[in-house]
Amino acid sequence: MAQITYDDFLRVDIRVGVVTRVEEFPKARRPAYKVWVDFGPEIGQKKTSAQVTRLYEPADLLGRQVLGVVNFPPRQIADFMSEFLLLGAMPDEETVVLVHPDREVGPGSRLL
């Protein structure tokens, strides 16, 4: 993989948010949820489609702090507009383990 500079990394806006709402997403091609996340007063609430159904139930996600890339352009997923990328590690091709801070921080805090 090509190396990037620190300035390249700074162009990716990764923020901490809190999950406020989760819904089933039956129209998605692969099992997914519709997830709404509050990224604090500067960014506000954004929504995304997240393929995290293998390890998480909707109730597991509510109130959880997560990390998301908030400066990607919106992307249409079936009949739903995804506004950010929820970050996770993939131990295999079908499982996503969400990435989150190990201590609580304010919504909107930036990852550096």
N, C-alpha and C. Protein backbone atom coordinates (compact mmCIF):
# COMPACT_ATOMS: atom_id res chain seq x y z
N MET A 1 0.85 -1.17 0.00
CA MET A 1 0.00 0.00 0.00
C MET A 1 0.89 1.24 0.00
N ALA A 2 0.47 2.23 -0.76
CA ALA A 2 1.25 3.47 -0.87
C ALA A 2 1.26 4.23 0.45
N GLN A 3 2.40 4.85 0.75
CA GLN A 3 2.50 5.67 1.95
C GLN A 3 1.82 7.01 1.70
N ILE A 4 1.30 7.60 2.78
CA ILE A 4 0.70 8.94 2.71
C ILE A 4 1.45 9.85 3.67
N THR A 5 1.21 11.14 3.52
CA THR A 5 1.83 12.10 4.43
C THR A 5 0.87 12.38 5.59
N TYR A 6 1.38 13.01 6.62
CA TYR A 6 0.54 13.41 7.74
C TYR A 6 -0.56 14.36 7.26
N ASP A 7 -0.23 15.24 6.32
CA ASP A 7 -1.24 16.16 5.77
C ASP A 7 -2.36 15.40 5.07
N ASP A 8 -2.02 14.30 4.38
CA ASP A 8 -3.06 13.45 3.77
C ASP A 8 -3.98 12.91 4.86
N PHE A 9 -3.41 12.43 5.95
CA PHE A 9 -4.21 11.87 7.05
C PHE A 9 -5.13 12.94 7.64
N LEU A 10 -4.64 14.17 7.79
CA LEU A 10 -5.45 15.24 8.37
C LEU A 10 -6.66 15.60 7.52
N ARG A 11 -6.64 15.25 6.23
CA ARG A 11 -7.79 15.52 5.36
C ARG A 11 -8.95 14.59 5.67
N VAL A 12 -8.69 13.47 6.35
CA VAL A 12 -9.75 12.53 6.73
C VAL A 12 -10.27 12.98 8.10
N ASP A 13 -11.51 13.41 8.15
CA ASP A 13 -12.10 13.94 9.38
C ASP A 13 -12.80 12.81 10.13
N ILE A 14 -12.12 12.24 11.12
CA ILE A 14 -12.65 11.14 11.92
C ILE A 14 -13.06 11.71 13.27
N ARG A 15 -14.34 11.50 13.61
CA ARG A 15 -14.89 12.07 14.84
C ARG A 15 -15.55 11.00 15.70
N VAL A 16 -15.63 11.30 16.99
CA VAL A 16 -16.36 10.47 17.93
C VAL A 16 -17.81 10.91 17.93
N GLY A 17 -18.70 9.94 17.92
CA GLY A 17 -20.12 10.23 18.00
C GLY A 17 -20.82 9.23 18.90
N VAL A 18 -22.08 9.52 19.20
CA VAL A 18 -22.89 8.65 20.05
C VAL A 18 -24.09 8.18 19.23
N VAL A 19 -24.31 6.87 19.21
CA VAL A 19 -25.44 6.30 18.46
C VAL A 19 -26.74 6.70 19.16
N THR A 20 -27.65 7.31 18.38
CA THR A 20 -28.91 7.79 18.94
C THR A 20 -30.13 7.01 18.45
N ARG A 21 -29.97 6.31 17.33
CA ARG A 21 -31.11 5.58 16.75
C ARG A 21 -30.58 4.48 15.85
N VAL A 22 -31.27 3.34 15.85
CA VAL A 22 -30.90 2.20 14.99
C VAL A 22 -32.19 1.56 14.48
N GLU A 23 -32.21 1.26 13.18
CA GLU A 23 -33.36 0.59 12.57
C GLU A 23 -32.87 -0.55 11.68
N GLU A 24 -33.69 -1.57 11.55
CA GLU A 24 -33.42 -2.63 10.58
C GLU A 24 -33.40 -2.00 9.19
N PHE A 25 -32.63 -2.61 8.26
CA PHE A 25 -32.54 -2.09 6.90
C PHE A 25 -32.74 -3.25 5.91
N PRO A 26 -33.98 -3.70 5.76
CA PRO A 26 -34.25 -4.87 4.93
C PRO A 26 -33.97 -4.66 3.44
N LYS A 27 -33.93 -3.42 2.96
CA LYS A 27 -33.68 -3.17 1.54
C LYS A 27 -32.19 -3.23 1.17
N ALA A 28 -31.31 -3.28 2.15
CA ALA A 28 -29.87 -3.38 1.87
C ALA A 28 -29.56 -4.74 1.25
N ARG A 29 -28.59 -4.79 0.35
CA ARG A 29 -28.21 -6.06 -0.29
C ARG A 29 -27.64 -7.06 0.71
N ARG A 30 -26.82 -6.56 1.62
CA ARG A 30 -26.25 -7.40 2.68
C ARG A 30 -26.86 -6.96 4.00
N PRO A 31 -26.98 -7.85 4.98
CA PRO A 31 -27.60 -7.47 6.26
C PRO A 31 -26.97 -6.21 6.84
N ALA A 32 -27.81 -5.24 7.20
CA ALA A 32 -27.32 -3.96 7.70
C ALA A 32 -28.39 -3.29 8.56
N TYR A 33 -27.93 -2.28 9.29
CA TYR A 33 -28.82 -1.41 10.05
C TYR A 33 -28.70 0.00 9.48
N LYS A 34 -29.75 0.79 9.67
CA LYS A 34 -29.67 2.24 9.50
C LYS A 34 -29.29 2.77 10.88
N VAL A 35 -28.23 3.58 10.93
CA VAL A 35 -27.71 4.06 12.21
C VAL A 35 -27.58 5.58 12.17
N TRP A 36 -28.12 6.23 13.20
CA TRP A 36 -27.99 7.68 13.36
C TRP A 36 -27.02 7.96 14.50
N VAL A 37 -26.09 8.90 14.29
CA VAL A 37 -25.05 9.20 15.27
C VAL A 37 -24.97 10.71 15.48
N ASP A 38 -24.90 11.12 16.74
CA ASP A 38 -24.72 12.53 17.11
C ASP A 38 -23.23 12.81 17.23
N PHE A 39 -22.73 13.69 16.36
CA PHE A 39 -21.32 14.07 16.36
C PHE A 39 -21.09 15.43 17.02
N GLY A 40 -21.99 15.84 17.89
CA GLY A 40 -21.80 17.08 18.63
C GLY A 40 -22.29 18.29 17.88
N PRO A 41 -22.19 19.48 18.55
CA PRO A 41 -22.79 20.70 18.00
C PRO A 41 -22.17 21.19 16.68
N GLU A 42 -20.90 20.94 16.46
CA GLU A 42 -20.25 21.43 15.22
C GLU A 42 -20.75 20.68 13.99
N ILE A 43 -20.95 19.38 14.10
CA ILE A 43 -21.32 18.54 12.96
C ILE A 43 -22.78 18.12 13.01
N GLY A 44 -23.30 17.86 14.19
CA GLY A 44 -24.69 17.45 14.34
C GLY A 44 -24.87 15.95 14.12
N GLN A 45 -26.11 15.59 13.82
CA GLN A 45 -26.45 14.18 13.62
C GLN A 45 -26.28 13.79 12.16
N LYS A 46 -25.70 12.62 11.93
CA LYS A 46 -25.56 12.06 10.59
C LYS A 46 -26.05 10.63 10.64
N LYS A 47 -26.40 10.09 9.46
CA LYS A 47 -26.90 8.73 9.38
C LYS A 47 -26.05 7.93 8.41
N THR A 48 -26.06 6.60 8.61
CA THR A 48 -25.30 5.71 7.75
C THR A 48 -25.94 4.34 7.70
N SER A 49 -25.55 3.57 6.72
CA SER A 49 -25.90 2.15 6.65
C SER A 49 -24.68 1.39 7.16
N ALA A 50 -24.90 0.47 8.10
CA ALA A 50 -23.78 -0.23 8.72
C ALA A 50 -24.02 -1.74 8.72
N GLN A 51 -23.08 -2.48 8.16
CA GLN A 51 -23.17 -3.94 8.09
C GLN A 51 -22.56 -4.55 9.36
N VAL A 52 -23.22 -4.29 10.48
CA VAL A 52 -22.71 -4.76 11.78
C VAL A 52 -23.67 -5.73 12.47
N THR A 53 -24.56 -6.32 11.69
CA THR A 53 -25.61 -7.17 12.26
C THR A 53 -25.10 -8.49 12.81
N ARG A 54 -23.93 -8.91 12.40
CA ARG A 54 -23.41 -10.21 12.84
C ARG A 54 -23.08 -10.20 14.34
N LEU A 55 -22.56 -9.09 14.84
CA LEU A 55 -22.13 -9.02 16.25
C LEU A 55 -23.00 -8.14 17.13
N TYR A 56 -23.83 -7.28 16.54
CA TYR A 56 -24.55 -6.29 17.32
C TYR A 56 -26.05 -6.34 17.05
N GLU A 57 -26.82 -6.25 18.12
CA GLU A 57 -28.26 -6.03 18.03
C GLU A 57 -28.49 -4.52 18.14
N PRO A 58 -29.61 -4.02 17.64
CA PRO A 58 -29.85 -2.57 17.74
C PRO A 58 -29.69 -2.03 19.17
N ALA A 59 -30.19 -2.74 20.16
CA ALA A 59 -30.09 -2.27 21.54
C ALA A 59 -28.64 -2.18 22.01
N ASP A 60 -27.75 -3.02 21.45
CA ASP A 60 -26.32 -2.98 21.81
C ASP A 60 -25.67 -1.69 21.34
N LEU A 61 -26.21 -1.10 20.29
CA LEU A 61 -25.59 0.07 19.68
C LEU A 61 -26.05 1.39 20.28
N LEU A 62 -27.28 1.45 20.76
CA LEU A 62 -27.82 2.70 21.31
C LEU A 62 -26.97 3.22 22.47
N GLY A 63 -26.56 4.49 22.38
CA GLY A 63 -25.77 5.11 23.43
C GLY A 63 -24.28 4.81 23.35
N ARG A 64 -23.87 3.97 22.42
CA ARG A 64 -22.46 3.58 22.28
C ARG A 64 -21.68 4.67 21.57
N GLN A 65 -20.46 4.93 22.04
CA GLN A 65 -19.58 5.83 21.31
C GLN A 65 -18.93 5.07 20.17
N VAL A 66 -18.87 5.72 19.01
CA VAL A 66 -18.28 5.13 17.81
C VAL A 66 -17.40 6.16 17.13
N LEU A 67 -16.63 5.71 16.14
CA LEU A 67 -15.83 6.61 15.32
C LEU A 67 -16.37 6.59 13.91
N GLY A 68 -16.39 7.76 13.27
CA GLY A 68 -16.87 7.84 11.90
C GLY A 68 -16.12 8.86 11.09
N VAL A 69 -15.96 8.57 9.79
CA VAL A 69 -15.41 9.55 8.85
C VAL A 69 -16.58 10.41 8.41
N VAL A 70 -16.52 11.70 8.74
CA VAL A 70 -17.67 12.58 8.51
C VAL A 70 -17.53 13.49 7.29
N ASN A 71 -16.41 13.39 6.57
CA ASN A 71 -16.26 14.29 5.41
C ASN A 71 -16.21 13.55 4.07
N PHE A 72 -16.82 12.37 4.00
CA PHE A 72 -17.07 11.72 2.71
C PHE A 72 -18.34 12.31 2.11
N PRO A 73 -18.46 12.31 0.79
CA PRO A 73 -19.74 12.75 0.21
C PRO A 73 -20.83 11.72 0.51
N PRO A 74 -22.09 12.16 0.57
CA PRO A 74 -23.19 11.21 0.81
C PRO A 74 -23.22 10.13 -0.28
N ARG A 75 -23.72 8.95 0.11
CA ARG A 75 -23.78 7.81 -0.81
C ARG A 75 -25.14 7.13 -0.68
N GLN A 76 -25.78 6.90 -1.80
CA GLN A 76 -27.09 6.24 -1.81
C GLN A 76 -26.92 4.74 -1.61
N ILE A 77 -27.60 4.20 -0.59
CA ILE A 77 -27.63 2.76 -0.33
C ILE A 77 -29.10 2.36 -0.38
N ALA A 78 -29.50 1.67 -1.45
CA ALA A 78 -30.92 1.36 -1.68
C ALA A 78 -31.72 2.66 -1.63
N ASP A 79 -32.70 2.76 -0.72
CA ASP A 79 -33.51 3.98 -0.63
C ASP A 79 -33.07 4.90 0.50
N PHE A 80 -31.83 4.76 0.94
CA PHE A 80 -31.32 5.47 2.12
C PHE A 80 -30.03 6.20 1.77
N MET A 81 -29.90 7.45 2.22
CA MET A 81 -28.69 8.23 1.96
C MET A 81 -27.73 8.10 3.14
N SER A 82 -26.57 7.50 2.89
CA SER A 82 -25.55 7.33 3.92
C SER A 82 -24.66 8.58 3.93
N GLU A 83 -24.48 9.18 5.12
CA GLU A 83 -23.78 10.47 5.21
C GLU A 83 -22.40 10.40 5.85
N PHE A 84 -22.03 9.25 6.40
CA PHE A 84 -20.69 9.10 6.97
C PHE A 84 -20.31 7.62 6.95
N LEU A 85 -19.03 7.33 7.22
CA LEU A 85 -18.55 5.95 7.27
C LEU A 85 -18.28 5.57 8.72
N LEU A 86 -19.02 4.59 9.21
CA LEU A 86 -18.81 4.06 10.56
C LEU A 86 -17.58 3.15 10.51
N LEU A 87 -16.64 3.35 11.43
CA LEU A 87 -15.37 2.62 11.37
C LEU A 87 -15.38 1.36 12.21
N GLY A 88 -14.80 0.31 11.66
CA GLY A 88 -14.67 -0.95 12.36
C GLY A 88 -13.55 -1.77 11.76
N ALA A 89 -13.13 -2.78 12.49
CA ALA A 89 -12.13 -3.73 12.03
C ALA A 89 -12.85 -4.96 11.49
N MET A 90 -12.27 -5.59 10.47
CA MET A 90 -12.89 -6.76 9.85
C MET A 90 -11.99 -7.98 10.02
N PRO A 91 -12.27 -8.81 11.04
CA PRO A 91 -11.47 -10.01 11.22
C PRO A 91 -11.69 -11.05 10.13
N ASP A 92 -12.81 -10.96 9.41
CA ASP A 92 -13.08 -11.79 8.24
C ASP A 92 -13.98 -10.99 7.31
N GLU A 93 -14.37 -11.57 6.17
CA GLU A 93 -15.11 -10.82 5.16
C GLU A 93 -16.55 -10.48 5.53
N GLU A 94 -17.09 -11.07 6.60
CA GLU A 94 -18.49 -10.84 6.94
C GLU A 94 -18.71 -10.24 8.33
N THR A 95 -17.63 -10.00 9.08
CA THR A 95 -17.77 -9.54 10.45
C THR A 95 -17.12 -8.17 10.61
N VAL A 96 -17.84 -7.25 11.26
CA VAL A 96 -17.29 -5.93 11.56
C VAL A 96 -17.32 -5.74 13.07
N VAL A 97 -16.17 -5.40 13.64
CA VAL A 97 -16.05 -5.07 15.06
C VAL A 97 -15.86 -3.56 15.14
N LEU A 98 -16.79 -2.88 15.76
CA LEU A 98 -16.74 -1.41 15.81
C LEU A 98 -15.53 -0.91 16.60
N VAL A 99 -14.99 0.20 16.13
CA VAL A 99 -13.87 0.88 16.79
C VAL A 99 -14.46 1.99 17.65
N HIS A 100 -13.94 2.13 18.87
CA HIS A 100 -14.46 3.18 19.76
C HIS A 100 -13.36 3.60 20.73
N PRO A 101 -13.50 4.80 21.33
CA PRO A 101 -12.51 5.24 22.32
C PRO A 101 -12.54 4.33 23.54
N ASP A 102 -11.40 4.15 24.21
CA ASP A 102 -11.41 3.31 25.42
C ASP A 102 -11.81 4.08 26.66
N ARG A 103 -12.00 5.40 26.51
CA ARG A 103 -12.57 6.24 27.57
C ARG A 103 -13.58 7.17 26.92
N GLU A 104 -14.59 7.57 27.68
CA GLU A 104 -15.61 8.44 27.12
C GLU A 104 -15.03 9.83 26.84
N VAL A 105 -15.34 10.34 25.65
CA VAL A 105 -14.96 11.70 25.25
C VAL A 105 -16.19 12.38 24.67
N GLY A 106 -16.13 13.68 24.54
CA GLY A 106 -17.27 14.43 24.04
C GLY A 106 -17.57 14.14 22.59
N PRO A 107 -18.86 14.09 22.22
CA PRO A 107 -19.23 13.93 20.83
C PRO A 107 -18.60 15.03 19.97
N GLY A 108 -18.07 14.64 18.84
CA GLY A 108 -17.40 15.59 17.96
C GLY A 108 -15.91 15.64 18.14
N SER A 109 -15.38 14.99 19.19
CA SER A 109 -13.93 14.97 19.39
C SER A 109 -13.26 14.36 18.16
N ARG A 110 -12.17 14.95 17.72
CA ARG A 110 -11.48 14.52 16.51
C ARG A 110 -10.40 13.51 16.81
N LEU A 111 -10.29 12.50 15.96
CA LEU A 111 -9.21 11.53 16.07
C LEU A 111 -7.97 12.09 15.41
N LEU A 112 -6.86 12.07 16.13
CA LEU A 112 -5.57 12.53 15.58
C LEU A 112 -4.53 11.47 15.74
